[in-house]
Amino acid sequence: MIKRILRRFPHALRGLRGALRVDFSFRTQWYGGLLITGIIAALAWPLSSTEALFLALGFALILITELQNSSVEAALNHLHPERHTAVGYSKDLAAAAVLVAGFFYVVVVSTILGSRFLPTLLSY
């Protein structure tokens, strides 16, 4: 069973490399998210383990939903290249998932930074 799982792993890595190489949206989310997450972590250092976990979770959710969005778009563009209302709606739903993940990340970042800087700002 473990051998079967390990044989599938290269397919996932190939998909990740392909997304980084070909998909502009995923590449933007990847590098932009790493940069923003690094800046937030530096500003709020030291992070508690819970804060670090939520920051990583928010970033991972954005990447996961962007991969799903790109996958849905690629499949639908291949299967139905002409414009169609249902295809457009499906693409919109996949894009909305990325947006919701982004909102979650903003809440996480706001909570972490707010807990660090809001008391100082309110004391003035």
PDB file of N, CA and C in Angstrom:
ATOM      1  N   MET A   1       0.825  -1.192   0.000  1.00  0.00           N
ATOM      2  CA  MET A   1       0.000   0.000   0.000  1.00  0.00           C
ATOM      3  C   MET A   1       0.871   1.258   0.000  1.00  0.00           C
ATOM      4  N   ILE A   2       1.908   1.271   0.828  1.00  0.00           N
ATOM      5  CA  ILE A   2       2.784   2.440   0.887  1.00  0.00           C
ATOM      6  C   ILE A   2       3.486   2.643  -0.450  1.00  0.00           C
ATOM      7  N   LYS A   3       3.860   1.523  -1.110  1.00  0.00           N
ATOM      8  CA  LYS A   3       4.502   1.632  -2.430  1.00  0.00           C
ATOM      9  C   LYS A   3       3.567   2.301  -3.431  1.00  0.00           C
ATOM     10  N   ARG A   4       2.285   1.941  -3.377  1.00  0.00           N
ATOM     11  CA  ARG A   4       1.309   2.548  -4.294  1.00  0.00           C
ATOM     12  C   ARG A   4       1.200   4.044  -4.057  1.00  0.00           C
ATOM     13  N   ILE A   5       1.204   4.430  -2.798  1.00  0.00           N
ATOM     14  CA  ILE A   5       1.111   5.857  -2.456  1.00  0.00           C
ATOM     15  C   ILE A   5       2.361   6.585  -2.938  1.00  0.00           C
ATOM     16  N   LEU A   6       3.510   5.997  -2.689  1.00  0.00           N
ATOM     17  CA  LEU A   6       4.763   6.632  -3.100  1.00  0.00           C
ATOM     18  C   LEU A   6       4.891   6.731  -4.623  1.00  0.00           C
ATOM     19  N   ARG A   7       4.314   5.780  -5.342  1.00  0.00           N
ATOM     20  CA  ARG A   7       4.348   5.850  -6.814  1.00  0.00           C
ATOM     21  C   ARG A   7       3.472   6.982  -7.352  1.00  0.00           C
ATOM     22  N   ARG A   8       2.503   7.406  -6.600  1.00  0.00           N
ATOM     23  CA  ARG A   8       1.620   8.505  -7.025  1.00  0.00           C
ATOM     24  C   ARG A   8       2.213   9.875  -6.730  1.00  0.00           C
ATOM     25  N   PHE A   9       3.124   9.933  -5.801  1.00  0.00           N
ATOM     26  CA  PHE A   9       3.716  11.197  -5.370  1.00  0.00           C
ATOM     27  C   PHE A   9       4.352  11.987  -6.516  1.00  0.00           C
ATOM     28  N   PRO A  10       5.088  11.348  -7.437  1.00  0.00           N
ATOM     29  CA  PRO A  10       5.670  12.113  -8.550  1.00  0.00           C
ATOM     30  C   PRO A  10       4.630  12.830  -9.414  1.00  0.00           C
ATOM     31  N   HIS A  11       3.432  12.259  -9.521  1.00  0.00           N
ATOM     32  CA  HIS A  11       2.372  12.917 -10.300  1.00  0.00           C
ATOM     33  C   HIS A  11       1.975  14.242  -9.654  1.00  0.00           C
ATOM     34  N   ALA A  12       1.856  14.233  -8.331  1.00  0.00           N
ATOM     35  CA  ALA A  12       1.502  15.462  -7.606  1.00  0.00           C
ATOM     36  C   ALA A  12       2.610  16.502  -7.749  1.00  0.00           C
ATOM     37  N   LEU A  13       3.847  16.069  -7.639  1.00  0.00           N
ATOM     38  CA  LEU A  13       4.970  17.009  -7.806  1.00  0.00           C
ATOM     39  C   LEU A  13       5.028  17.562  -9.223  1.00  0.00           C
ATOM     40  N   ARG A  14       4.729  16.730 -10.208  1.00  0.00           N
ATOM     41  CA  ARG A  14       4.690  17.191 -11.596  1.00  0.00           C
ATOM     42  C   ARG A  14       3.596  18.246 -11.774  1.00  0.00           C
ATOM     43  N   GLY A  15       2.460  18.036 -11.122  1.00  0.00           N
ATOM     44  CA  GLY A  15       1.384  19.023 -11.177  1.00  0.00           C
ATOM     45  C   GLY A  15       1.780  20.335 -10.528  1.00  0.00           C
ATOM     46  N   LEU A  16       2.453  20.262  -9.397  1.00  0.00           N
ATOM     47  CA  LEU A  16       2.900  21.474  -8.708  1.00  0.00           C
ATOM     48  C   LEU A  16       3.941  22.226  -9.537  1.00  0.00           C
ATOM     49  N   ARG A  17       4.903  21.494 -10.081  1.00  0.00           N
ATOM     50  CA  ARG A  17       5.913  22.133 -10.943  1.00  0.00           C
ATOM     51  C   ARG A  17       5.257  22.747 -12.180  1.00  0.00           C
ATOM     52  N   GLY A  18       4.308  22.031 -12.758  1.00  0.00           N
ATOM     53  CA  GLY A  18       3.612  22.552 -13.928  1.00  0.00           C
ATOM     54  C   GLY A  18       2.839  23.820 -13.615  1.00  0.00           C
ATOM     55  N   ALA A  19       2.173  23.834 -12.468  1.00  0.00           N
ATOM     56  CA  ALA A  19       1.421  25.026 -12.074  1.00  0.00           C
ATOM     57  C   ALA A  19       2.363  26.210 -11.872  1.00  0.00           C
ATOM     58  N   LEU A  20       3.506  25.964 -11.244  1.00  0.00           N
ATOM     59  CA  LEU A  20       4.469  27.051 -11.032  1.00  0.00           C
ATOM     60  C   LEU A  20       5.070  27.537 -12.353  1.00  0.00           C
ATOM     61  N   ARG A  21       5.238  26.637 -13.289  1.00  0.00           N
ATOM     62  CA  ARG A  21       5.861  26.991 -14.565  1.00  0.00           C
ATOM     63  C   ARG A  21       4.881  27.651 -15.537  1.00  0.00           C
ATOM     64  N   VAL A  22       3.651  27.168 -15.585  1.00  0.00           N
ATOM     65  CA  VAL A  22       2.713  27.567 -16.639  1.00  0.00           C
ATOM     66  C   VAL A  22       1.620  28.518 -16.169  1.00  0.00           C
ATOM     67  N   ASP A  23       1.135  28.336 -14.963  1.00  0.00           N
ATOM     68  CA  ASP A  23      -0.056  29.062 -14.504  1.00  0.00           C
ATOM     69  C   ASP A  23       0.337  30.369 -13.813  1.00  0.00           C
ATOM     70  N   PHE A  24       0.074  31.479 -14.481  1.00  0.00           N
ATOM     71  CA  PHE A  24       0.434  32.797 -13.947  1.00  0.00           C
ATOM     72  C   PHE A  24      -0.263  33.078 -12.618  1.00  0.00           C
ATOM     73  N   SER A  25      -1.538  32.731 -12.513  1.00  0.00           N
ATOM     74  CA  SER A  25      -2.290  33.008 -11.275  1.00  0.00           C
ATOM     75  C   SER A  25      -1.706  32.243 -10.100  1.00  0.00           C
ATOM     76  N   PHE A  26      -1.404  30.970 -10.299  1.00  0.00           N
ATOM     77  CA  PHE A  26      -0.831  30.184  -9.208  1.00  0.00           C
ATOM     78  C   PHE A  26       0.552  30.707  -8.837  1.00  0.00           C
ATOM     79  N   ARG A  27       1.347  31.008  -9.842  1.00  0.00           N
ATOM     80  CA  ARG A  27       2.695  31.532  -9.588  1.00  0.00           C
ATOM     81  C   ARG A  27       2.620  32.841  -8.807  1.00  0.00           C
ATOM     82  N   THR A  28       1.672  33.701  -9.151  1.00  0.00           N
ATOM     83  CA  THR A  28       1.488  34.967  -8.438  1.00  0.00           C
ATOM     84  C   THR A  28       1.095  34.709  -6.985  1.00  0.00           C
ATOM     85  N   GLN A  29       0.155  33.782  -6.782  1.00  0.00           N
ATOM     86  CA  GLN A  29      -0.273  33.451  -5.417  1.00  0.00           C
ATOM     87  C   GLN A  29       0.890  32.850  -4.624  1.00  0.00           C
ATOM     88  N   TRP A  30       1.678  31.999  -5.257  1.00  0.00           N
ATOM     89  CA  TRP A  30       2.796  31.319  -4.594  1.00  0.00           C
ATOM     90  C   TRP A  30       3.836  32.323  -4.106  1.00  0.00           C
ATOM     91  N   TYR A  31       4.384  33.084  -5.049  1.00  0.00           N
ATOM     92  CA  TYR A  31       5.466  34.008  -4.685  1.00  0.00           C
ATOM     93  C   TYR A  31       4.964  35.203  -3.877  1.00  0.00           C
ATOM     94  N   GLY A  32       3.805  35.736  -4.257  1.00  0.00           N
ATOM     95  CA  GLY A  32       3.231  36.844  -3.488  1.00  0.00           C
ATOM     96  C   GLY A  32       2.879  36.413  -2.079  1.00  0.00           C
ATOM     97  N   GLY A  33       2.309  35.220  -1.954  1.00  0.00           N
ATOM     98  CA  GLY A  33       1.948  34.706  -0.636  1.00  0.00           C
ATOM     99  C   GLY A  33       3.157  34.438   0.232  1.00  0.00           C
ATOM    100  N   LEU A  34       4.221  33.889  -0.360  1.00  0.00           N
ATOM    101  CA  LEU A  34       5.452  33.679   0.410  1.00  0.00           C
ATOM    102  C   LEU A  34       6.012  35.008   0.904  1.00  0.00           C
ATOM    103  N   LEU A  35       6.005  36.007   0.024  1.00  0.00           N
ATOM    104  CA  LEU A  35       6.522  37.322   0.398  1.00  0.00           C
ATOM    105  C   LEU A  35       5.685  37.947   1.521  1.00  0.00           C
ATOM    106  N   ILE A  36       4.374  37.960   1.348  1.00  0.00           N
ATOM    107  CA  ILE A  36       3.489  38.565   2.340  1.00  0.00           C
ATOM    108  C   ILE A  36       3.544  37.800   3.662  1.00  0.00           C
ATOM    109  N   THR A  37       3.538  36.476   3.588  1.00  0.00           N
ATOM    110  CA  THR A  37       3.608  35.674   4.810  1.00  0.00           C
ATOM    111  C   THR A  37       4.921  35.922   5.543  1.00  0.00           C
ATOM    112  N   GLY A  38       6.008  36.027   4.798  1.00  0.00           N
ATOM    113  CA  GLY A  38       7.300  36.325   5.411  1.00  0.00           C
ATOM    114  C   GLY A  38       7.317  37.686   6.076  1.00  0.00           C
ATOM    115  N   ILE A  39       6.740  38.686   5.414  1.00  0.00           N
ATOM    116  CA  ILE A  39       6.687  40.036   5.993  1.00  0.00           C
ATOM    117  C   ILE A  39       5.835  40.054   7.259  1.00  0.00           C
ATOM    118  N   ILE A  40       4.682  39.394   7.204  1.00  0.00           N
ATOM    119  CA  ILE A  40       3.796  39.341   8.375  1.00  0.00           C
ATOM    120  C   ILE A  40       4.498  38.626   9.529  1.00  0.00           C
ATOM    121  N   ALA A  41       5.153  37.524   9.238  1.00  0.00           N
ATOM    122  CA  ALA A  41       5.860  36.783  10.285  1.00  0.00           C
ATOM    123  C   ALA A  41       6.972  37.643  10.892  1.00  0.00           C
ATOM    124  N   ALA A  42       7.682  38.392  10.050  1.00  0.00           N
ATOM    125  CA  ALA A  42       8.759  39.251  10.559  1.00  0.00           C
ATOM    126  C   ALA A  42       8.204  40.384  11.420  1.00  0.00           C
ATOM    127  N   LEU A  43       7.101  40.974  10.996  1.00  0.00           N
ATOM    128  CA  LEU A  43       6.498  42.061  11.766  1.00  0.00           C
ATOM    129  C   LEU A  43       5.964  41.591  13.113  1.00  0.00           C
ATOM    130  N   ALA A  44       5.437  40.400  13.147  1.00  0.00           N
ATOM    131  CA  ALA A  44       4.788  39.899  14.361  1.00  0.00           C
ATOM    132  C   ALA A  44       5.680  38.956  15.165  1.00  0.00           C
ATOM    133  N   TRP A  45       6.937  38.846  14.792  1.00  0.00           N
ATOM    134  CA  TRP A  45       7.844  37.904  15.455  1.00  0.00           C
ATOM    135  C   TRP A  45       8.001  38.214  16.929  1.00  0.00           C
ATOM    136  N   PRO A  46       8.027  37.287  17.818  1.00  0.00           N
ATOM    137  CA  PRO A  46       7.889  35.842  17.619  1.00  0.00           C
ATOM    138  C   PRO A  46       6.413  35.449  17.514  1.00  0.00           C
ATOM    139  N   LEU A  47       6.146  34.480  16.665  1.00  0.00           N
ATOM    140  CA  LEU A  47       4.790  33.963  16.509  1.00  0.00           C
ATOM    141  C   LEU A  47       4.575  32.793  17.458  1.00  0.00           C
ATOM    142  N   SER A  48       3.390  32.733  18.026  1.00  0.00           N
ATOM    143  CA  SER A  48       3.056  31.538  18.804  1.00  0.00           C
ATOM    144  C   SER A  48       2.844  30.389  17.813  1.00  0.00           C
ATOM    145  N   SER A  49       2.830  29.192  18.306  1.00  0.00           N
ATOM    146  CA  SER A  49       2.622  28.053  17.407  1.00  0.00           C
ATOM    147  C   SER A  49       1.239  28.118  16.758  1.00  0.00           C
ATOM    148  N   THR A  50       0.256  28.620  17.480  1.00  0.00           N
ATOM    149  CA  THR A  50      -1.093  28.758  16.917  1.00  0.00           C
ATOM    150  C   THR A  50      -1.114  29.808  15.815  1.00  0.00           C
ATOM    151  N   GLU A  51      -0.452  30.931  16.034  1.00  0.00           N
ATOM    152  CA  GLU A  51      -0.389  31.975  15.008  1.00  0.00           C
ATOM    153  C   GLU A  51       0.326  31.478  13.759  1.00  0.00           C
ATOM    154  N   ALA A  52       1.435  30.793  13.956  1.00  0.00           N
ATOM    155  CA  ALA A  52       2.179  30.256  12.815  1.00  0.00           C
ATOM    156  C   ALA A  52       1.336  29.237  12.058  1.00  0.00           C
ATOM    157  N   LEU A  53       0.613  28.407  12.787  1.00  0.00           N
ATOM    158  CA  LEU A  53      -0.244  27.400  12.154  1.00  0.00           C
ATOM    159  C   LEU A  53      -1.351  28.064  11.337  1.00  0.00           C
ATOM    160  N   PHE A  54      -2.008  29.072  11.898  1.00  0.00           N
ATOM    161  CA  PHE A  54      -3.076  29.746  11.165  1.00  0.00           C
ATOM    162  C   PHE A  54      -2.542  30.514   9.959  1.00  0.00           C
ATOM    163  N   LEU A  55      -1.382  31.113  10.085  1.00  0.00           N
ATOM    164  CA  LEU A  55      -0.765  31.821   8.961  1.00  0.00           C
ATOM    165  C   LEU A  55      -0.454  30.835   7.836  1.00  0.00           C
ATOM    166  N   ALA A  56       0.129  29.684   8.184  1.00  0.00           N
ATOM    167  CA  ALA A  56       0.430  28.655   7.186  1.00  0.00           C
ATOM    168  C   ALA A  56      -0.844  28.077   6.593  1.00  0.00           C
ATOM    169  N   LEU A  57      -1.865  27.880   7.423  1.00  0.00           N
ATOM    170  CA  LEU A  57      -3.137  27.346   6.946  1.00  0.00           C
ATOM    171  C   LEU A  57      -3.791  28.301   5.950  1.00  0.00           C
ATOM    172  N   GLY A  58      -3.789  29.593   6.275  1.00  0.00           N
ATOM    173  CA  GLY A  58      -4.374  30.573   5.360  1.00  0.00           C
ATOM    174  C   GLY A  58      -3.659  30.590   4.018  1.00  0.00           C
ATOM    175  N   PHE A  59      -2.345  30.543   4.043  1.00  0.00           N
ATOM    176  CA  PHE A  59      -1.560  30.518   2.817  1.00  0.00           C
ATOM    177  C   PHE A  59      -1.830  29.232   2.033  1.00  0.00           C
ATOM    178  N   ALA A  60      -1.867  28.103   2.738  1.00  0.00           N
ATOM    179  CA  ALA A  60      -2.135  26.824   2.076  1.00  0.00           C
ATOM    180  C   ALA A  60      -3.525  26.798   1.450  1.00  0.00           C
ATOM    181  N   LEU A  61      -4.514  27.363   2.121  1.00  0.00           N
ATOM    182  CA  LEU A  61      -5.870  27.394   1.566  1.00  0.00           C
ATOM    183  C   LEU A  61      -5.925  28.188   0.259  1.00  0.00           C
ATOM    184  N   ILE A  62      -5.197  29.277   0.218  1.00  0.00           N
ATOM    185  CA  ILE A  62      -5.150  30.062  -1.023  1.00  0.00           C
ATOM    186  C   ILE A  62      -4.532  29.240  -2.144  1.00  0.00           C
ATOM    187  N   LEU A  63      -3.425  28.568  -1.852  1.00  0.00           N
ATOM    188  CA  LEU A  63      -2.765  27.760  -2.884  1.00  0.00           C
ATOM    189  C   LEU A  63      -3.639  26.590  -3.328  1.00  0.00           C
ATOM    190  N   ILE A  64      -4.269  25.922  -2.379  1.00  0.00           N
ATOM    191  CA  ILE A  64      -5.134  24.784  -2.716  1.00  0.00           C
ATOM    192  C   ILE A  64      -6.295  25.230  -3.591  1.00  0.00           C
ATOM    193  N   THR A  65      -6.958  26.304  -3.201  1.00  0.00           N
ATOM    194  CA  THR A  65      -8.116  26.749  -3.985  1.00  0.00           C
ATOM    195  C   THR A  65      -7.679  27.282  -5.348  1.00  0.00           C
ATOM    196  N   GLU A  66      -6.500  27.893  -5.432  1.00  0.00           N
ATOM    197  CA  GLU A  66      -6.006  28.365  -6.728  1.00  0.00           C
ATOM    198  C   GLU A  66      -5.692  27.187  -7.643  1.00  0.00           C
ATOM    199  N   LEU A  67      -5.115  26.117  -7.097  1.00  0.00           N
ATOM    200  CA  LEU A  67      -4.875  24.913  -7.906  1.00  0.00           C
ATOM    201  C   LEU A  67      -6.195  24.328  -8.408  1.00  0.00           C
ATOM    202  N   GLN A  68      -7.187  24.272  -7.540  1.00  0.00           N
ATOM    203  CA  GLN A  68      -8.495  23.755  -7.950  1.00  0.00           C
ATOM    204  C   GLN A  68      -9.130  24.660  -9.011  1.00  0.00           C
ATOM    205  N   ASN A  69      -9.026  25.967  -8.821  1.00  0.00           N
ATOM    206  CA  ASN A  69      -9.563  26.921  -9.781  1.00  0.00           C
ATOM    207  C   ASN A  69      -8.896  26.733 -11.141  1.00  0.00           C
ATOM    208  N   SER A  70      -7.592  26.633 -11.151  1.00  0.00           N
ATOM    209  CA  SER A  70      -6.861  26.459 -12.411  1.00  0.00           C
ATOM    210  C   SER A  70      -7.219  25.133 -13.070  1.00  0.00           C
ATOM    211  N   SER A  71      -7.381  24.104 -12.263  1.00  0.00           N
ATOM    212  CA  SER A  71      -7.747  22.790 -12.791  1.00  0.00           C
ATOM    213  C   SER A  71      -9.136  22.820 -13.438  1.00  0.00           C
ATOM    214  N   VAL A  72     -10.081  23.427 -12.754  1.00  0.00           N
ATOM    215  CA  VAL A  72     -11.442  23.538 -13.301  1.00  0.00           C
ATOM    216  C   VAL A  72     -11.427  24.341 -14.594  1.00  0.00           C
ATOM    217  N   GLU A  73     -10.730  25.467 -14.597  1.00  0.00           N
ATOM    218  CA  GLU A  73     -10.668  26.297 -15.799  1.00  0.00           C
ATOM    219  C   GLU A  73     -10.031  25.561 -16.970  1.00  0.00           C
ATOM    220  N   ALA A  74      -8.935  24.855 -16.719  1.00  0.00           N
ATOM    221  CA  ALA A  74      -8.260  24.130 -17.796  1.00  0.00           C
ATOM    222  C   ALA A  74      -9.160  23.041 -18.365  1.00  0.00           C
ATOM    223  N   ALA A  75      -9.824  22.295 -17.498  1.00  0.00           N
ATOM    224  CA  ALA A  75     -10.705  21.225 -17.970  1.00  0.00           C
ATOM    225  C   ALA A  75     -11.887  21.787 -18.751  1.00  0.00           C
ATOM    226  N   LEU A  76     -12.505  22.837 -18.217  1.00  0.00           N
ATOM    227  CA  LEU A  76     -13.670  23.401 -18.899  1.00  0.00           C
ATOM    228  C   LEU A  76     -13.292  24.061 -20.224  1.00  0.00           C
ATOM    229  N   ASN A  77     -12.136  24.719 -20.267  1.00  0.00           N
ATOM    230  CA  ASN A  77     -11.692  25.317 -21.526  1.00  0.00           C
ATOM    231  C   ASN A  77     -11.431  24.256 -22.580  1.00  0.00           C
ATOM    232  N   HIS A  78     -10.944  23.100 -22.162  1.00  0.00           N
ATOM    233  CA  HIS A  78     -10.681  22.019 -23.104  1.00  0.00           C
ATOM    234  C   HIS A  78     -11.981  21.356 -23.566  1.00  0.00           C
ATOM    235  N   LEU A  79     -12.876  21.092 -22.629  1.00  0.00           N
ATOM    236  CA  LEU A  79     -14.109  20.385 -22.957  1.00  0.00           C
ATOM    237  C   LEU A  79     -15.146  21.257 -23.655  1.00  0.00           C
ATOM    238  N   HIS A  80     -15.127  22.540 -23.342  1.00  0.00           N
ATOM    239  CA  HIS A  80     -16.153  23.438 -23.886  1.00  0.00           C
ATOM    240  C   HIS A  80     -15.505  24.786 -24.208  1.00  0.00           C
ATOM    241  N   PRO A  81     -14.749  24.857 -25.316  1.00  0.00           N
ATOM    242  CA  PRO A  81     -13.987  26.082 -25.599  1.00  0.00           C
ATOM    243  C   PRO A  81     -14.841  27.316 -25.898  1.00  0.00           C
ATOM    244  N   GLU A  82     -16.047  27.128 -26.402  1.00  0.00           N
ATOM    245  CA  GLU A  82     -16.883  28.302 -26.679  1.00  0.00           C
ATOM    246  C   GLU A  82     -17.568  28.757 -25.394  1.00  0.00           C
ATOM    247  N   ARG A  83     -18.023  30.018 -25.413  1.00  0.00           N
ATOM    248  CA  ARG A  83     -18.677  30.593 -24.234  1.00  0.00           C
ATOM    249  C   ARG A  83     -20.005  29.889 -23.959  1.00  0.00           C
ATOM    250  N   HIS A  84     -20.231  29.645 -22.671  1.00  0.00           N
ATOM    251  CA  HIS A  84     -21.488  29.056 -22.247  1.00  0.00           C
ATOM    252  C   HIS A  84     -21.764  29.520 -20.817  1.00  0.00           C
ATOM    253  N   THR A  85     -23.018  29.810 -20.535  1.00  0.00           N
ATOM    254  CA  THR A  85     -23.395  30.343 -19.229  1.00  0.00           C
ATOM    255  C   THR A  85     -23.011  29.403 -18.091  1.00  0.00           C
ATOM    256  N   ALA A  86     -23.268  28.112 -18.245  1.00  0.00           N
ATOM    257  CA  ALA A  86     -22.967  27.152 -17.177  1.00  0.00           C
ATOM    258  C   ALA A  86     -21.459  27.033 -16.956  1.00  0.00           C
ATOM    259  N   VAL A  87     -20.689  27.087 -18.029  1.00  0.00           N
ATOM    260  CA  VAL A  87     -19.232  27.018 -17.904  1.00  0.00           C
ATOM    261  C   VAL A  87     -18.720  28.260 -17.178  1.00  0.00           C
ATOM    262  N   GLY A  88     -19.233  29.418 -17.561  1.00  0.00           N
ATOM    263  CA  GLY A  88     -18.837  30.654 -16.902  1.00  0.00           C
ATOM    264  C   GLY A  88     -19.180  30.647 -15.426  1.00  0.00           C
ATOM    265  N   TYR A  89     -20.355  30.119 -15.100  1.00  0.00           N
ATOM    266  CA  TYR A  89     -20.778  30.037 -13.705  1.00  0.00           C
ATOM    267  C   TYR A  89     -19.853  29.111 -12.907  1.00  0.00           C
ATOM    268  N   SER A  90     -19.491  27.977 -13.494  1.00  0.00           N
ATOM    269  CA  SER A  90     -18.572  27.045 -12.828  1.00  0.00           C
ATOM    270  C   SER A  90     -17.224  27.697 -12.559  1.00  0.00           C
ATOM    271  N   LYS A  91     -16.735  28.441 -13.533  1.00  0.00           N
ATOM    272  CA  LYS A  91     -15.463  29.144 -13.356  1.00  0.00           C
ATOM    273  C   LYS A  91     -15.577  30.216 -12.277  1.00  0.00           C
ATOM    274  N   ASP A  92     -16.701  30.902 -12.251  1.00  0.00           N
ATOM    275  CA  ASP A  92     -16.924  31.919 -11.219  1.00  0.00           C
ATOM    276  C   ASP A  92     -16.937  31.305  -9.822  1.00  0.00           C
ATOM    277  N   LEU A  93     -17.564  30.138  -9.693  1.00  0.00           N
ATOM    278  CA  LEU A  93     -17.594  29.460  -8.395  1.00  0.00           C
ATOM    279  C   LEU A  93     -16.190  29.073  -7.944  1.00  0.00           C
ATOM    280  N   ALA A  94     -15.391  28.568  -8.864  1.00  0.00           N
ATOM    281  CA  ALA A  94     -14.017  28.186  -8.515  1.00  0.00           C
ATOM    282  C   ALA A  94     -13.206  29.424  -8.112  1.00  0.00           C
ATOM    283  N   ALA A  95     -13.411  30.524  -8.817  1.00  0.00           N
ATOM    284  CA  ALA A  95     -12.716  31.765  -8.465  1.00  0.00           C
ATOM    285  C   ALA A  95     -13.191  32.291  -7.112  1.00  0.00           C
ATOM    286  N   ALA A  96     -14.471  32.101  -6.818  1.00  0.00           N
ATOM    287  CA  ALA A  96     -15.006  32.538  -5.523  1.00  0.00           C
ATOM    288  C   ALA A  96     -14.357  31.776  -4.371  1.00  0.00           C
ATOM    289  N   ALA A  97     -14.017  30.519  -4.592  1.00  0.00           N
ATOM    290  CA  ALA A  97     -13.330  29.744  -3.552  1.00  0.00           C
ATOM    291  C   ALA A  97     -11.989  30.377  -3.210  1.00  0.00           C
ATOM    292  N   VAL A  98     -11.278  30.847  -4.224  1.00  0.00           N
ATOM    293  CA  VAL A  98      -9.996  31.523  -3.982  1.00  0.00           C
ATOM    294  C   VAL A  98     -10.229  32.815  -3.210  1.00  0.00           C
ATOM    295  N   LEU A  99     -11.264  33.533  -3.574  1.00  0.00           N
ATOM    296  CA  LEU A  99     -11.596  34.783  -2.884  1.00  0.00           C
ATOM    297  C   LEU A  99     -11.919  34.535  -1.407  1.00  0.00           C
ATOM    298  N   VAL A 100     -12.702  33.524  -1.121  1.00  0.00           N
ATOM    299  CA  VAL A 100     -13.050  33.199   0.270  1.00  0.00           C
ATOM    300  C   VAL A 100     -11.795  32.814   1.051  1.00  0.00           C
ATOM    301  N   ALA A 101     -10.903  32.038   0.432  1.00  0.00           N
ATOM    302  CA  ALA A 101      -9.635  31.697   1.089  1.00  0.00           C
ATOM    303  C   ALA A 101      -8.814  32.959   1.360  1.00  0.00           C
ATOM    304  N   GLY A 102      -8.835  33.891   0.422  1.00  0.00           N
ATOM    305  CA  GLY A 102      -8.139  35.160   0.625  1.00  0.00           C
ATOM    306  C   GLY A 102      -8.726  35.954   1.770  1.00  0.00           C
ATOM    307  N   PHE A 103     -10.053  35.964   1.892  1.00  0.00           N
ATOM    308  CA  PHE A 103     -10.698  36.639   3.019  1.00  0.00           C
ATOM    309  C   PHE A 103     -10.266  36.015   4.343  1.00  0.00           C
ATOM    310  N   PHE A 104     -10.206  34.695   4.383  1.00  0.00           N
ATOM    311  CA  PHE A 104      -9.761  34.005   5.590  1.00  0.00           C
ATOM    312  C   PHE A 104      -8.332  34.432   5.949  1.00  0.00           C
ATOM    313  N   TYR A 105      -7.467  34.503   4.948  1.00  0.00           N
ATOM    314  CA  TYR A 105      -6.080  34.909   5.179  1.00  0.00           C
ATOM    315  C   TYR A 105      -6.019  36.334   5.725  1.00  0.00           C
ATOM    316  N   VAL A 106      -6.845  37.221   5.187  1.00  0.00           N
ATOM    317  CA  VAL A 106      -6.884  38.608   5.677  1.00  0.00           C
ATOM    318  C   VAL A 106      -7.332  38.647   7.136  1.00  0.00           C
ATOM    319  N   VAL A 107      -8.306  37.837   7.501  1.00  0.00           N
ATOM    320  CA  VAL A 107      -8.756  37.782   8.897  1.00  0.00           C
ATOM    321  C   VAL A 107      -7.629  37.281   9.805  1.00  0.00           C
ATOM    322  N   VAL A 108      -6.920  36.254   9.360  1.00  0.00           N
ATOM    323  CA  VAL A 108      -5.800  35.717  10.147  1.00  0.00           C
ATOM    324  C   VAL A 108      -4.723  36.781  10.336  1.00  0.00           C
ATOM    325  N   VAL A 109      -4.324  37.427   9.239  1.00  0.00           N
ATOM    326  CA  VAL A 109      -3.274  38.452   9.300  1.00  0.00           C
ATOM    327  C   VAL A 109      -3.721  39.623  10.165  1.00  0.00           C
ATOM    328  N   SER A 110      -4.970  40.057  10.003  1.00  0.00           N
ATOM    329  CA  SER A 110      -5.487  41.172  10.800  1.00  0.00           C
ATOM    330  C   SER A 110      -5.506  40.829  12.281  1.00  0.00           C
ATOM    331  N   THR A 111      -5.869  39.605  12.599  1.00  0.00           N
ATOM    332  CA  THR A 111      -5.903  39.182  14.001  1.00  0.00           C
ATOM    333  C   THR A 111      -4.503  39.166  14.596  1.00  0.00           C
ATOM    334  N   ILE A 112      -3.547  38.613  13.850  1.00  0.00           N
ATOM    335  CA  ILE A 112      -2.174  38.540  14.363  1.00  0.00           C
ATOM    336  C   ILE A 112      -1.581  39.932  14.529  1.00  0.00           C
ATOM    337  N   LEU A 113      -1.678  40.751  13.477  1.00  0.00           N
ATOM    338  CA  LEU A 113      -1.102  42.099  13.563  1.00  0.00           C
ATOM    339  C   LEU A 113      -1.865  42.978  14.541  1.00  0.00           C
ATOM    340  N   GLY A 114      -3.189  42.819  14.585  1.00  0.00           N
ATOM    341  CA  GLY A 114      -3.990  43.598  15.523  1.00  0.00           C
ATOM    342  C   GLY A 114      -3.619  43.319  16.964  1.00  0.00           C
ATOM    343  N   SER A 115      -3.359  42.062  17.266  1.00  0.00           N
ATOM    344  CA  SER A 115      -2.986  41.716  18.645  1.00  0.00           C
ATOM    345  C   SER A 115      -1.626  42.292  19.025  1.00  0.00           C
ATOM    346  N   ARG A 116      -0.778  42.540  18.025  1.00  0.00           N
ATOM    347  CA  ARG A 116       0.557  43.100  18.293  1.00  0.00           C
ATOM    348  C   ARG A 116       0.538  44.632  18.371  1.00  0.00           C
ATOM    349  N   PHE A 117      -0.152  45.257  17.427  1.00  0.00           N
ATOM    350  CA  PHE A 117      -0.013  46.711  17.267  1.00  0.00           C
ATOM    351  C   PHE A 117      -1.206  47.517  17.756  1.00  0.00           C
ATOM    352  N   LEU A 118      -2.390  46.942  17.838  1.00  0.00           N
ATOM    353  CA  LEU A 118      -3.566  47.691  18.243  1.00  0.00           C
ATOM    354  C   LEU A 118      -3.456  48.221  19.671  1.00  0.00           C
ATOM    355  N   PRO A 119      -2.990  47.427  20.640  1.00  0.00           N
ATOM    356  CA  PRO A 119      -2.857  47.978  22.000  1.00  0.00           C
ATOM    357  C   PRO A 119      -1.915  49.189  22.052  1.00  0.00           C
ATOM    358  N   THR A 120      -0.841  49.136  21.295  1.00  0.00           N
ATOM    359  CA  THR A 120       0.102  50.258  21.267  1.00  0.00           C
ATOM    360  C   THR A 120      -0.539  51.482  20.646  1.00  0.00           C
ATOM    361  N   LEU A 121      -1.258  51.277  19.552  1.00  0.00           N
ATOM    362  CA  LEU A 121      -1.907  52.408  18.872  1.00  0.00           C
ATOM    363  C   LEU A 121      -3.006  53.030  19.738  1.00  0.00           C
ATOM    364  N   LEU A 122      -3.722  52.201  20.482  1.00  0.00           N
ATOM    365  CA  LEU A 122      -4.812  52.718  21.320  1.00  0.00           C
ATOM    366  C   LEU A 122      -4.305  53.394  22.577  1.00  0.00           C
ATOM    367  N   SER A 123      -3.063  53.134  22.970  1.00  0.00           N
ATOM    368  CA  SER A 123      -2.535  53.747  24.192  1.00  0.00           C
ATOM    369  C   SER A 123      -2.101  55.196  23.970  1.00  0.00           C
ATOM    370  N   TYR A 124      -2.023  55.639  22.723  1.00  0.00           N
ATOM    371  CA  TYR A 124      -1.609  57.031  22.447  1.00  0.00           C
ATOM    372  C   TYR A 124      -2.720  57.994  22.689  1.00  0.00           C
TER     373      TYR A 124
END
